[in-house]
Amino acid sequence: MTKKDLSVTDIKTGIHRLVDVVSDETLLTAVYTLLDSQAANERDFWDDLSPEQQADIQLGLADLEANRVKSAATVFARYQ
């Protein structure tokens, strides 16, 4: 099996195994920084919202599903 044939699970398992045997603190710090940065980019913004913000979005989605909506033009006209 070549490296390009590895599944994501195989790659993760390999990384765990390698991390357990490597002792170079500089290398481990660099790998940690790289992975931490990528993980931060992949986080779901939803988790960063307050419960109140999440509830407001849920209410808006419920309004959308119930067809309780107005066009942007209608809303903007109200404030001109």
N, C-alpha and C. Protein backbone atom coordinates (compact mmCIF):
# COMPACT_ATOMS: atom_id res chain seq x y z
N MET A 1 0.85 -1.18 0.00
CA MET A 1 0.00 0.00 0.00
C MET A 1 0.89 1.24 0.00
N THR A 2 0.64 2.15 -0.91
CA THR A 2 1.42 3.39 -0.97
C THR A 2 0.76 4.43 -0.08
N LYS A 3 1.51 5.48 0.20
CA LYS A 3 0.97 6.54 1.06
C LYS A 3 -0.28 7.16 0.48
N LYS A 4 -0.38 7.24 -0.85
CA LYS A 4 -1.56 7.86 -1.45
C LYS A 4 -2.79 6.97 -1.35
N ASP A 5 -2.60 5.68 -1.03
CA ASP A 5 -3.72 4.76 -0.90
C ASP A 5 -4.26 4.69 0.53
N LEU A 6 -3.64 5.41 1.45
CA LEU A 6 -4.06 5.36 2.84
C LEU A 6 -5.37 6.12 3.04
N SER A 7 -6.22 5.58 3.89
CA SER A 7 -7.45 6.29 4.24
C SER A 7 -7.12 7.35 5.30
N VAL A 8 -8.05 8.24 5.53
CA VAL A 8 -7.86 9.27 6.55
C VAL A 8 -7.62 8.61 7.90
N THR A 9 -8.36 7.55 8.19
CA THR A 9 -8.18 6.83 9.46
C THR A 9 -6.78 6.24 9.55
N ASP A 10 -6.29 5.65 8.46
CA ASP A 10 -4.93 5.10 8.46
C ASP A 10 -3.89 6.19 8.70
N ILE A 11 -4.08 7.34 8.07
CA ILE A 11 -3.14 8.45 8.25
C ILE A 11 -3.15 8.93 9.69
N LYS A 12 -4.34 9.09 10.26
CA LYS A 12 -4.43 9.53 11.66
C LYS A 12 -3.77 8.54 12.59
N THR A 13 -4.01 7.26 12.36
CA THR A 13 -3.39 6.22 13.19
C THR A 13 -1.88 6.29 13.08
N GLY A 14 -1.38 6.49 11.87
CA GLY A 14 0.05 6.61 11.66
C GLY A 14 0.64 7.81 12.36
N ILE A 15 -0.06 8.92 12.31
CA ILE A 15 0.41 10.13 12.99
C ILE A 15 0.46 9.90 14.50
N HIS A 16 -0.56 9.27 15.05
CA HIS A 16 -0.57 8.97 16.49
C HIS A 16 0.64 8.10 16.86
N ARG A 17 0.90 7.10 16.05
CA ARG A 17 2.02 6.18 16.30
C ARG A 17 3.34 6.94 16.25
N LEU A 18 3.51 7.78 15.24
CA LEU A 18 4.76 8.54 15.10
C LEU A 18 4.95 9.53 16.24
N VAL A 19 3.89 10.20 16.64
CA VAL A 19 3.99 11.17 17.73
C VAL A 19 4.45 10.48 19.01
N ASP A 20 3.99 9.25 19.20
CA ASP A 20 4.38 8.52 20.41
C ASP A 20 5.87 8.18 20.45
N VAL A 21 6.52 8.09 19.30
CA VAL A 21 7.93 7.69 19.30
C VAL A 21 8.89 8.86 19.09
N VAL A 22 8.41 10.01 18.63
CA VAL A 22 9.26 11.16 18.40
C VAL A 22 9.43 11.94 19.70
N SER A 23 10.67 12.35 19.98
CA SER A 23 10.95 13.09 21.21
C SER A 23 11.40 14.52 20.95
N ASP A 24 11.61 14.89 19.71
CA ASP A 24 12.10 16.22 19.36
C ASP A 24 11.01 17.26 19.64
N GLU A 25 11.23 18.05 20.68
CA GLU A 25 10.22 19.02 21.11
C GLU A 25 9.93 20.06 20.03
N THR A 26 10.96 20.49 19.31
CA THR A 26 10.77 21.48 18.25
C THR A 26 9.88 20.92 17.15
N LEU A 27 10.14 19.70 16.75
CA LEU A 27 9.34 19.07 15.70
C LEU A 27 7.91 18.87 16.18
N LEU A 28 7.75 18.37 17.40
CA LEU A 28 6.41 18.15 17.93
C LEU A 28 5.64 19.47 18.05
N THR A 29 6.32 20.53 18.45
CA THR A 29 5.67 21.83 18.55
C THR A 29 5.24 22.32 17.17
N ALA A 30 6.08 22.13 16.17
CA ALA A 30 5.73 22.55 14.81
C ALA A 30 4.52 21.78 14.30
N VAL A 31 4.50 20.48 14.52
CA VAL A 31 3.38 19.65 14.07
C VAL A 31 2.12 20.06 14.82
N TYR A 32 2.25 20.28 16.11
CA TYR A 32 1.10 20.70 16.92
C TYR A 32 0.54 22.03 16.40
N THR A 33 1.42 22.98 16.14
CA THR A 33 0.99 24.29 15.66
C THR A 33 0.26 24.17 14.33
N LEU A 34 0.80 23.37 13.43
CA LEU A 34 0.18 23.17 12.13
C LEU A 34 -1.20 22.53 12.27
N LEU A 35 -1.30 21.48 13.05
CA LEU A 35 -2.58 20.79 13.23
C LEU A 35 -3.59 21.65 13.98
N ASP A 36 -3.12 22.38 14.97
CA ASP A 36 -4.01 23.25 15.74
C ASP A 36 -4.58 24.36 14.85
N SER A 37 -3.75 24.92 14.00
CA SER A 37 -4.19 25.96 13.08
C SER A 37 -5.24 25.42 12.11
N GLN A 38 -5.00 24.23 11.58
CA GLN A 38 -5.96 23.63 10.65
C GLN A 38 -7.27 23.31 11.36
N ALA A 39 -7.18 22.79 12.57
CA ALA A 39 -8.39 22.45 13.33
C ALA A 39 -9.22 23.70 13.60
N ALA A 40 -8.56 24.81 13.88
CA ALA A 40 -9.27 26.07 14.13
C ALA A 40 -10.01 26.51 12.88
N ASN A 41 -9.41 26.28 11.71
CA ASN A 41 -10.05 26.66 10.45
C ASN A 41 -11.25 25.79 10.13
N GLU A 42 -11.27 24.59 10.66
CA GLU A 42 -12.34 23.65 10.35
C GLU A 42 -13.45 23.65 11.39
N ARG A 43 -13.29 24.46 12.42
CA ARG A 43 -14.33 24.53 13.45
C ARG A 43 -15.60 25.10 12.87
N ASP A 44 -16.69 24.65 13.37
CA ASP A 44 -17.99 25.15 12.95
C ASP A 44 -18.27 26.45 13.69
N PHE A 45 -18.58 27.50 12.94
CA PHE A 45 -18.85 28.80 13.57
C PHE A 45 -19.98 28.71 14.58
N TRP A 46 -20.87 27.75 14.40
CA TRP A 46 -22.03 27.59 15.29
C TRP A 46 -21.57 27.44 16.74
N ASP A 47 -20.47 26.74 16.93
CA ASP A 47 -19.96 26.50 18.29
C ASP A 47 -19.46 27.77 18.95
N ASP A 48 -19.16 28.80 18.16
CA ASP A 48 -18.66 30.06 18.70
C ASP A 48 -19.79 31.05 19.02
N LEU A 49 -21.02 30.70 18.63
CA LEU A 49 -22.15 31.58 18.89
C LEU A 49 -22.69 31.37 20.30
N SER A 50 -23.23 32.43 20.86
CA SER A 50 -23.85 32.32 22.19
C SER A 50 -25.16 31.56 22.05
N PRO A 51 -25.68 31.01 23.14
CA PRO A 51 -26.98 30.34 23.09
C PRO A 51 -28.08 31.27 22.57
N GLU A 52 -28.01 32.56 22.91
CA GLU A 52 -29.00 33.52 22.44
C GLU A 52 -28.92 33.69 20.92
N GLN A 53 -27.69 33.77 20.40
CA GLN A 53 -27.52 33.90 18.95
C GLN A 53 -28.03 32.65 18.23
N GLN A 54 -27.72 31.50 18.79
CA GLN A 54 -28.20 30.25 18.19
C GLN A 54 -29.73 30.21 18.18
N ALA A 55 -30.34 30.64 19.28
CA ALA A 55 -31.81 30.64 19.36
C ALA A 55 -32.41 31.61 18.34
N ASP A 56 -31.79 32.78 18.17
CA ASP A 56 -32.28 33.74 17.17
C ASP A 56 -32.21 33.15 15.76
N ILE A 57 -31.13 32.46 15.46
CA ILE A 57 -31.00 31.85 14.14
C ILE A 57 -32.06 30.76 13.95
N GLN A 58 -32.28 29.97 14.99
CA GLN A 58 -33.30 28.91 14.91
C GLN A 58 -34.68 29.53 14.66
N LEU A 59 -34.95 30.63 15.33
CA LEU A 59 -36.24 31.32 15.10
C LEU A 59 -36.34 31.82 13.67
N GLY A 60 -35.27 32.37 13.14
CA GLY A 60 -35.27 32.83 11.76
C GLY A 60 -35.49 31.70 10.78
N LEU A 61 -34.87 30.56 11.04
CA LEU A 61 -35.06 29.39 10.17
C LEU A 61 -36.50 28.89 10.24
N ALA A 62 -37.08 28.93 11.44
CA ALA A 62 -38.49 28.51 11.58
C ALA A 62 -39.40 29.46 10.80
N ASP A 63 -39.10 30.77 10.85
CA ASP A 63 -39.88 31.74 10.07
C ASP A 63 -39.75 31.45 8.58
N LEU A 64 -38.56 31.14 8.14
CA LEU A 64 -38.33 30.82 6.73
C LEU A 64 -39.13 29.60 6.31
N GLU A 65 -39.10 28.56 7.11
CA GLU A 65 -39.84 27.33 6.79
C GLU A 65 -41.35 27.57 6.77
N ALA A 66 -41.82 28.49 7.62
CA ALA A 66 -43.25 28.79 7.68
C ALA A 66 -43.64 29.88 6.69
N ASN A 67 -42.69 30.27 5.85
CA ASN A 67 -42.92 31.30 4.82
C ASN A 67 -43.30 32.65 5.43
N ARG A 68 -42.80 32.92 6.62
CA ARG A 68 -42.99 34.23 7.25
C ARG A 68 -41.76 35.09 6.91
N VAL A 69 -41.70 35.51 5.65
CA VAL A 69 -40.52 36.25 5.18
C VAL A 69 -40.95 37.49 4.42
N LYS A 70 -40.02 38.43 4.32
CA LYS A 70 -40.20 39.64 3.52
C LYS A 70 -38.97 39.77 2.63
N SER A 71 -39.16 40.39 1.50
CA SER A 71 -38.03 40.60 0.61
C SER A 71 -37.09 41.64 1.21
N ALA A 72 -35.84 41.60 0.78
CA ALA A 72 -34.87 42.59 1.24
C ALA A 72 -35.31 43.99 0.83
N ALA A 73 -35.88 44.12 -0.36
CA ALA A 73 -36.34 45.43 -0.83
C ALA A 73 -37.40 46.01 0.10
N THR A 74 -38.29 45.16 0.57
CA THR A 74 -39.34 45.61 1.50
C THR A 74 -38.74 46.10 2.81
N VAL A 75 -37.80 45.35 3.32
CA VAL A 75 -37.16 45.72 4.59
C VAL A 75 -36.37 47.00 4.43
N PHE A 76 -35.57 47.11 3.35
CA PHE A 76 -34.76 48.30 3.14
C PHE A 76 -35.62 49.54 2.91
N ALA A 77 -36.74 49.38 2.22
CA ALA A 77 -37.63 50.52 1.95
C ALA A 77 -38.16 51.10 3.25
N ARG A 78 -38.33 50.28 4.23
CA ARG A 78 -38.85 50.73 5.53
C ARG A 78 -37.88 51.70 6.20
N TYR A 79 -36.60 51.57 5.93
CA TYR A 79 -35.59 52.38 6.62
C TYR A 79 -35.05 53.52 5.76
N GLN A 80 -35.64 53.76 4.60
CA GLN A 80 -35.17 54.87 3.75
C GLN A 80 -35.96 56.10 3.99
